[in-house]
């Protein structure tokens, strides 16, 4: 496959990116013929042997896009293996609720969280990717932010606030001081806000 861009539904994925996601999907599904495509929602179609990732992640910072696409693949693959078909059918066919679509969406949300938590337990190294996914897709998507909606938000005076750590033998070196001076600026804060909205708090 060449390095050209592959276009799906007016969105573009780099060919190398597709190959990486495809390798991950094939590894998790234990099927060397699985194909990866991009559409609206992530899921795995076992009949066509196609795993779908979401275009929700397009046009975001590269680290968020990659975390989202990778966790799409993991969610679809693990979700397929962990799915209880009988329970899913019961939910789909249940007509006792006044708002069945809401009921089904709530079930899907809870099922996704169950699967993602299981992935974090089985593969602890995925925790940061999954947490970034949840921060971006759930909180950000519904307009929540730490400042206005957080149960508790630490300020710069908190003893647990993120700080820059250096060894005792070089904490006063010019290189460290220059780094701290460059990092703790309004410019860095504003750039962080662009990517994480109101999910960031100044630590200085």
C-alpha atoms as a PDB file:
ATOM      1  CA  UNK A   1       0.000   0.000   0.000  1.00  0.00           C
ATOM      2  CA  UNK A   2       1.343   3.442  -0.889  1.00  0.00           C
ATOM      3  CA  UNK A   3       1.701   6.447   1.421  1.00  0.00           C
ATOM      4  CA  UNK A   4      -1.150   8.262  -0.297  1.00  0.00           C
ATOM      5  CA  UNK A   5      -4.158   9.401   1.704  1.00  0.00           C
ATOM      6  CA  UNK A   6      -7.218   7.154   1.689  1.00  0.00           C
ATOM      7  CA  UNK A   7     -10.561   8.949   1.620  1.00  0.00           C
ATOM      8  CA  UNK A   8     -13.652   7.598   3.375  1.00  0.00           C
ATOM      9  CA  UNK A   9     -16.922   9.543   3.372  1.00  0.00           C
ATOM     10  CA  UNK A  10     -15.207  12.897   2.852  1.00  0.00           C
ATOM     11  CA  UNK A  11     -12.673  12.143   5.597  1.00  0.00           C
ATOM     12  CA  UNK A  12      -9.041  11.178   5.158  1.00  0.00           C
ATOM     13  CA  UNK A  13      -6.870   8.664   6.966  1.00  0.00           C
ATOM     14  CA  UNK A  14      -3.231   8.261   6.167  1.00  0.00           C
ATOM     15  CA  UNK A  15      -2.499   4.863   4.627  1.00  0.00           C
ATOM     16  CA  UNK A  16       0.088   4.115   7.331  1.00  0.00           C
ATOM     17  CA  UNK A  17      -2.485   4.986   9.962  1.00  0.00           C
ATOM     18  CA  UNK A  18      -4.972   2.586   8.405  1.00  0.00           C
ATOM     19  CA  UNK A  19      -2.368  -0.179   8.324  1.00  0.00           C
ATOM     20  CA  UNK A  20      -1.525   0.364  11.995  1.00  0.00           C
ATOM     21  CA  UNK A  21      -5.201   0.216  13.000  1.00  0.00           C
ATOM     22  CA  UNK A  22      -5.739  -2.808  10.781  1.00  0.00           C
ATOM     23  CA  UNK A  23      -2.825  -4.646  12.406  1.00  0.00           C
ATOM     24  CA  UNK A  24      -4.288  -3.890  15.842  1.00  0.00           C
ATOM     25  CA  UNK A  25      -7.766  -5.055  14.791  1.00  0.00           C
ATOM     26  CA  UNK A  26      -6.424  -8.279  13.302  1.00  0.00           C
ATOM     27  CA  UNK A  27      -4.402  -8.979  16.433  1.00  0.00           C
ATOM     28  CA  UNK A  28      -7.346  -8.462  18.788  1.00  0.00           C
ATOM     29  CA  UNK A  29      -9.849 -10.313  16.613  1.00  0.00           C
ATOM     30  CA  UNK A  30      -7.348 -13.032  15.687  1.00  0.00           C
ATOM     31  CA  UNK A  31      -8.350 -12.694  12.040  1.00  0.00           C
ATOM     32  CA  UNK A  32      -5.773 -11.766   9.387  1.00  0.00           C
ATOM     33  CA  UNK A  33      -8.465 -10.714   6.895  1.00  0.00           C
ATOM     34  CA  UNK A  34     -10.147  -8.008   9.005  1.00  0.00           C
ATOM     35  CA  UNK A  35     -10.445  -4.634   7.263  1.00  0.00           C
ATOM     36  CA  UNK A  36     -10.699  -1.220   8.949  1.00  0.00           C
ATOM     37  CA  UNK A  37     -12.864   1.641   7.704  1.00  0.00           C
ATOM     38  CA  UNK A  38     -14.043   4.972   9.055  1.00  0.00           C
ATOM     39  CA  UNK A  39     -17.710   5.907   9.475  1.00  0.00           C
ATOM     40  CA  UNK A  40     -19.895   7.480  12.150  1.00  0.00           C
ATOM     41  CA  UNK A  41     -19.805   4.970  15.011  1.00  0.00           C
ATOM     42  CA  UNK A  42     -17.212   2.342  16.007  1.00  0.00           C
ATOM     43  CA  UNK A  43     -18.335  -1.287  15.769  1.00  0.00           C
ATOM     44  CA  UNK A  44     -17.312  -4.644  14.326  1.00  0.00           C
ATOM     45  CA  UNK A  45     -19.308  -6.323  11.546  1.00  0.00           C
ATOM     46  CA  UNK A  46     -18.457 -10.054  11.739  1.00  0.00           C
ATOM     47  CA  UNK A  47     -20.388 -10.891   8.565  1.00  0.00           C
ATOM     48  CA  UNK A  48     -18.290  -8.578   6.413  1.00  0.00           C
ATOM     49  CA  UNK A  49     -15.292  -8.849   8.759  1.00  0.00           C
ATOM     50  CA  UNK A  50     -14.977  -5.067   8.847  1.00  0.00           C
ATOM     51  CA  UNK A  51     -14.136  -2.996  11.920  1.00  0.00           C
ATOM     52  CA  UNK A  52     -15.393   0.573  11.837  1.00  0.00           C
ATOM     53  CA  UNK A  53     -13.660   3.491  13.527  1.00  0.00           C
ATOM     54  CA  UNK A  54     -15.350   6.846  14.038  1.00  0.00           C
ATOM     55  CA  UNK A  55     -14.692  10.081  12.158  1.00  0.00           C
ATOM     56  CA  UNK A  56     -15.449  11.826  15.478  1.00  0.00           C
ATOM     57  CA  UNK A  57     -11.687  11.936  16.022  1.00  0.00           C
ATOM     58  CA  UNK A  58     -10.867  13.763  12.801  1.00  0.00           C
ATOM     59  CA  UNK A  59      -9.506  17.324  12.938  1.00  0.00           C
ATOM     60  CA  UNK A  60      -8.273  17.001  16.507  1.00  0.00           C
ATOM     61  CA  UNK A  61      -4.730  17.182  17.922  1.00  0.00           C
ATOM     62  CA  UNK A  62      -2.768  14.180  16.634  1.00  0.00           C
ATOM     63  CA  UNK A  63      -2.345  12.557  20.073  1.00  0.00           C
ATOM     64  CA  UNK A  64      -6.098  12.736  20.706  1.00  0.00           C
ATOM     65  CA  UNK A  65      -6.916  11.446  17.227  1.00  0.00           C
ATOM     66  CA  UNK A  66      -4.574   8.479  17.618  1.00  0.00           C
ATOM     67  CA  UNK A  67      -5.852   7.670  21.124  1.00  0.00           C
ATOM     68  CA  UNK A  68      -9.426   7.829  19.863  1.00  0.00           C
ATOM     69  CA  UNK A  69      -8.860   5.617  16.833  1.00  0.00           C
ATOM     70  CA  UNK A  70      -6.890   3.019  18.797  1.00  0.00           C
ATOM     71  CA  UNK A  71      -9.511   2.840  21.525  1.00  0.00           C
ATOM     72  CA  UNK A  72     -12.236   2.622  18.850  1.00  0.00           C
ATOM     73  CA  UNK A  73     -10.543  -0.534  17.596  1.00  0.00           C
ATOM     74  CA  UNK A  74     -10.139  -1.940  21.105  1.00  0.00           C
ATOM     75  CA  UNK A  75     -13.727  -1.108  22.057  1.00  0.00           C
ATOM     76  CA  UNK A  76     -15.151  -2.716  18.909  1.00  0.00           C
ATOM     77  CA  UNK A  77     -12.984  -5.836  19.131  1.00  0.00           C
ATOM     78  CA  UNK A  78     -13.349  -6.445  22.866  1.00  0.00           C
ATOM     79  CA  UNK A  79     -17.019  -5.489  22.724  1.00  0.00           C
ATOM     80  CA  UNK A  80     -17.615  -8.173  20.102  1.00  0.00           C
ATOM     81  CA  UNK A  81     -15.870 -10.839  22.182  1.00  0.00           C
ATOM     82  CA  UNK A  82     -17.584  -9.796  25.423  1.00  0.00           C
ATOM     83  CA  UNK A  83     -21.069  -9.260  24.006  1.00  0.00           C
ATOM     84  CA  UNK A  84     -23.912 -11.397  25.345  1.00  0.00           C
ATOM     85  CA  UNK A  85     -26.179 -11.762  22.308  1.00  0.00           C
ATOM     86  CA  UNK A  86     -29.159 -12.835  24.398  1.00  0.00           C
ATOM     87  CA  UNK A  87     -29.008  -9.742  26.589  1.00  0.00           C
ATOM     88  CA  UNK A  88     -28.541  -7.440  23.596  1.00  0.00           C
ATOM     89  CA  UNK A  89     -31.582  -8.957  21.892  1.00  0.00           C
ATOM     90  CA  UNK A  90     -33.638  -8.543  25.055  1.00  0.00           C
ATOM     91  CA  UNK A  91     -32.729  -4.844  25.215  1.00  0.00           C
ATOM     92  CA  UNK A  92     -33.472  -4.261  21.522  1.00  0.00           C
ATOM     93  CA  UNK A  93     -36.822  -6.055  21.701  1.00  0.00           C
ATOM     94  CA  UNK A  94     -37.934  -4.644  25.060  1.00  0.00           C
ATOM     95  CA  UNK A  95     -41.035  -2.486  24.479  1.00  0.00           C
ATOM     96  CA  UNK A  96     -41.897  -1.802  28.116  1.00  0.00           C
ATOM     97  CA  UNK A  97     -40.031   1.522  28.282  1.00  0.00           C
ATOM     98  CA  UNK A  98     -41.708   4.744  27.233  1.00  0.00           C
ATOM     99  CA  UNK A  99     -38.510   5.920  25.528  1.00  0.00           C
ATOM    100  CA  UNK A 100     -36.938   2.773  24.037  1.00  0.00           C
ATOM    101  CA  UNK A 101     -34.255   4.657  22.057  1.00  0.00           C
ATOM    102  CA  UNK A 102     -33.016   6.359  25.202  1.00  0.00           C
ATOM    103  CA  UNK A 103     -33.061   3.020  27.005  1.00  0.00           C
ATOM    104  CA  UNK A 104     -30.963   1.429  24.250  1.00  0.00           C
ATOM    105  CA  UNK A 105     -28.515   4.339  24.176  1.00  0.00           C
ATOM    106  CA  UNK A 106     -28.105   4.172  27.939  1.00  0.00           C
ATOM    107  CA  UNK A 107     -27.478   0.440  27.698  1.00  0.00           C
ATOM    108  CA  UNK A 108     -24.854   1.045  24.988  1.00  0.00           C
ATOM    109  CA  UNK A 109     -23.115   3.688  27.102  1.00  0.00           C
ATOM    110  CA  UNK A 110     -22.971   1.396  30.138  1.00  0.00           C
ATOM    111  CA  UNK A 111     -21.831  -1.524  28.000  1.00  0.00           C
ATOM    112  CA  UNK A 112     -19.030   0.586  26.512  1.00  0.00           C
ATOM    113  CA  UNK A 113     -17.890   1.564  30.000  1.00  0.00           C
ATOM    114  CA  UNK A 114     -17.949  -2.090  31.095  1.00  0.00           C
ATOM    115  CA  UNK A 115     -15.813  -3.076  28.126  1.00  0.00           C
ATOM    116  CA  UNK A 116     -13.362  -0.176  28.519  1.00  0.00           C
ATOM    117  CA  UNK A 117     -12.912  -0.942  32.228  1.00  0.00           C
ATOM    118  CA  UNK A 118     -12.224  -4.583  31.367  1.00  0.00           C
ATOM    119  CA  UNK A 119      -9.607  -3.512  28.823  1.00  0.00           C
ATOM    120  CA  UNK A 120      -7.879  -1.327  31.420  1.00  0.00           C
ATOM    121  CA  UNK A 121      -7.749  -4.266  33.841  1.00  0.00           C
ATOM    122  CA  UNK A 122      -6.425  -6.688  31.223  1.00  0.00           C
ATOM    123  CA  UNK A 123      -4.080  -4.183  29.552  1.00  0.00           C
ATOM    124  CA  UNK A 124      -3.058  -1.530  32.136  1.00  0.00           C
ATOM    125  CA  UNK A 125      -0.897   0.249  29.566  1.00  0.00           C
ATOM    126  CA  UNK A 126      -4.077   1.360  27.764  1.00  0.00           C
ATOM    127  CA  UNK A 127      -5.379   3.343  30.759  1.00  0.00           C
ATOM    128  CA  UNK A 128      -4.039   6.708  29.596  1.00  0.00           C
ATOM    129  CA  UNK A 129      -5.474   6.259  26.099  1.00  0.00           C
ATOM    130  CA  UNK A 130      -8.875   5.263  27.465  1.00  0.00           C
ATOM    131  CA  UNK A 131      -8.954   8.120  29.980  1.00  0.00           C
ATOM    132  CA  UNK A 132      -8.096  10.583  27.207  1.00  0.00           C
ATOM    133  CA  UNK A 133     -10.884   9.081  25.112  1.00  0.00           C
ATOM    134  CA  UNK A 134     -13.429   9.516  27.895  1.00  0.00           C
ATOM    135  CA  UNK A 135     -12.323  13.064  28.650  1.00  0.00           C
ATOM    136  CA  UNK A 136     -12.651  13.981  24.981  1.00  0.00           C
ATOM    137  CA  UNK A 137     -15.685  12.039  23.868  1.00  0.00           C
ATOM    138  CA  UNK A 138     -17.973  12.082  26.885  1.00  0.00           C
ATOM    139  CA  UNK A 139     -17.214  15.182  28.943  1.00  0.00           C
ATOM    140  CA  UNK A 140     -16.188  17.342  26.004  1.00  0.00           C
ATOM    141  CA  UNK A 141     -18.973  16.174  23.739  1.00  0.00           C
ATOM    142  CA  UNK A 142     -21.718  17.211  26.123  1.00  0.00           C
ATOM    143  CA  UNK A 143     -20.037  20.500  26.987  1.00  0.00           C
ATOM    144  CA  UNK A 144     -18.792  19.633  30.474  1.00  0.00           C
ATOM    145  CA  UNK A 145     -15.605  21.158  31.840  1.00  0.00           C
ATOM    146  CA  UNK A 146     -13.671  20.949  35.068  1.00  0.00           C
ATOM    147  CA  UNK A 147     -14.187  24.583  36.051  1.00  0.00           C
ATOM    148  CA  UNK A 148     -17.976  24.676  35.785  1.00  0.00           C
ATOM    149  CA  UNK A 149     -18.974  21.032  36.234  1.00  0.00           C
ATOM    150  CA  UNK A 150     -16.253  19.439  38.339  1.00  0.00           C
ATOM    151  CA  UNK A 151     -17.278  18.064  41.712  1.00  0.00           C
ATOM    152  CA  UNK A 152     -14.013  19.423  43.094  1.00  0.00           C
ATOM    153  CA  UNK A 153     -11.279  21.354  41.292  1.00  0.00           C
ATOM    154  CA  UNK A 154      -7.894  21.905  42.893  1.00  0.00           C
ATOM    155  CA  UNK A 155      -6.294  25.312  42.536  1.00  0.00           C
ATOM    156  CA  UNK A 156      -2.633  26.291  42.342  1.00  0.00           C
ATOM    157  CA  UNK A 157      -2.344  26.289  46.156  1.00  0.00           C
ATOM    158  CA  UNK A 158      -3.245  22.604  46.424  1.00  0.00           C
ATOM    159  CA  UNK A 159      -0.399  20.406  47.744  1.00  0.00           C
ATOM    160  CA  UNK A 160      -1.264  17.923  44.998  1.00  0.00           C
ATOM    161  CA  UNK A 161      -1.065  20.280  42.030  1.00  0.00           C
ATOM    162  CA  UNK A 162       1.238  19.196  39.198  1.00  0.00           C
ATOM    163  CA  UNK A 163       4.714  20.582  39.686  1.00  0.00           C
ATOM    164  CA  UNK A 164       7.968  20.401  37.770  1.00  0.00           C
ATOM    165  CA  UNK A 165      10.362  17.994  39.461  1.00  0.00           C
ATOM    166  CA  UNK A 166      14.160  18.075  39.230  1.00  0.00           C
ATOM    167  CA  UNK A 167      17.013  16.359  40.994  1.00  0.00           C
ATOM    168  CA  UNK A 168      18.356  18.148  44.073  1.00  0.00           C
ATOM    169  CA  UNK A 169      21.782  18.449  42.457  1.00  0.00           C
ATOM    170  CA  UNK A 170      20.509  20.400  39.445  1.00  0.00           C
ATOM    171  CA  UNK A 171      17.291  22.080  40.604  1.00  0.00           C
ATOM    172  CA  UNK A 172      19.021  25.469  40.587  1.00  0.00           C
ATOM    173  CA  UNK A 173      20.738  25.001  37.238  1.00  0.00           C
ATOM    174  CA  UNK A 174      20.155  27.545  34.488  1.00  0.00           C
ATOM    175  CA  UNK A 175      18.653  24.876  32.185  1.00  0.00           C
ATOM    176  CA  UNK A 176      15.996  23.955  34.743  1.00  0.00           C
ATOM    177  CA  UNK A 177      15.239  27.558  35.573  1.00  0.00           C
ATOM    178  CA  UNK A 178      14.924  28.426  31.879  1.00  0.00           C
ATOM    179  CA  UNK A 179      12.564  25.486  31.354  1.00  0.00           C
ATOM    180  CA  UNK A 180      10.330  26.520  34.255  1.00  0.00           C
ATOM    181  CA  UNK A 181      10.315  30.101  33.018  1.00  0.00           C
ATOM    182  CA  UNK A 182       9.380  29.010  29.483  1.00  0.00           C
ATOM    183  CA  UNK A 183       6.714  26.569  30.648  1.00  0.00           C
ATOM    184  CA  UNK A 184       4.948  28.704  33.204  1.00  0.00           C
ATOM    185  CA  UNK A 185       3.732  31.372  30.806  1.00  0.00           C
ATOM    186  CA  UNK A 186       0.377  32.688  29.690  1.00  0.00           C
ATOM    187  CA  UNK A 187       1.188  31.517  26.155  1.00  0.00           C
ATOM    188  CA  UNK A 188       1.527  27.883  27.279  1.00  0.00           C
ATOM    189  CA  UNK A 189      -1.658  28.163  29.339  1.00  0.00           C
ATOM    190  CA  UNK A 190      -3.652  29.538  26.410  1.00  0.00           C
ATOM    191  CA  UNK A 191      -2.323  26.801  24.104  1.00  0.00           C
ATOM    192  CA  UNK A 192      -3.345  24.144  26.634  1.00  0.00           C
ATOM    193  CA  UNK A 193      -6.822  25.666  26.841  1.00  0.00           C
ATOM    194  CA  UNK A 194      -7.167  25.392  23.067  1.00  0.00           C
ATOM    195  CA  UNK A 195      -6.682  21.615  23.274  1.00  0.00           C
ATOM    196  CA  UNK A 196      -8.302  20.829  26.635  1.00  0.00           C
ATOM    197  CA  UNK A 197     -10.797  23.715  26.881  1.00  0.00           C
ATOM    198  CA  UNK A 198     -11.575  24.427  30.545  1.00  0.00           C
ATOM    199  CA  UNK A 199     -10.097  21.139  31.702  1.00  0.00           C
ATOM    200  CA  UNK A 200      -6.812  22.813  32.621  1.00  0.00           C
ATOM    201  CA  UNK A 201      -5.942  24.858  35.691  1.00  0.00           C
ATOM    202  CA  UNK A 202      -2.792  26.932  36.070  1.00  0.00           C
ATOM    203  CA  UNK A 203      -0.337  25.330  38.448  1.00  0.00           C
ATOM    204  CA  UNK A 204       1.561  28.549  39.038  1.00  0.00           C
END
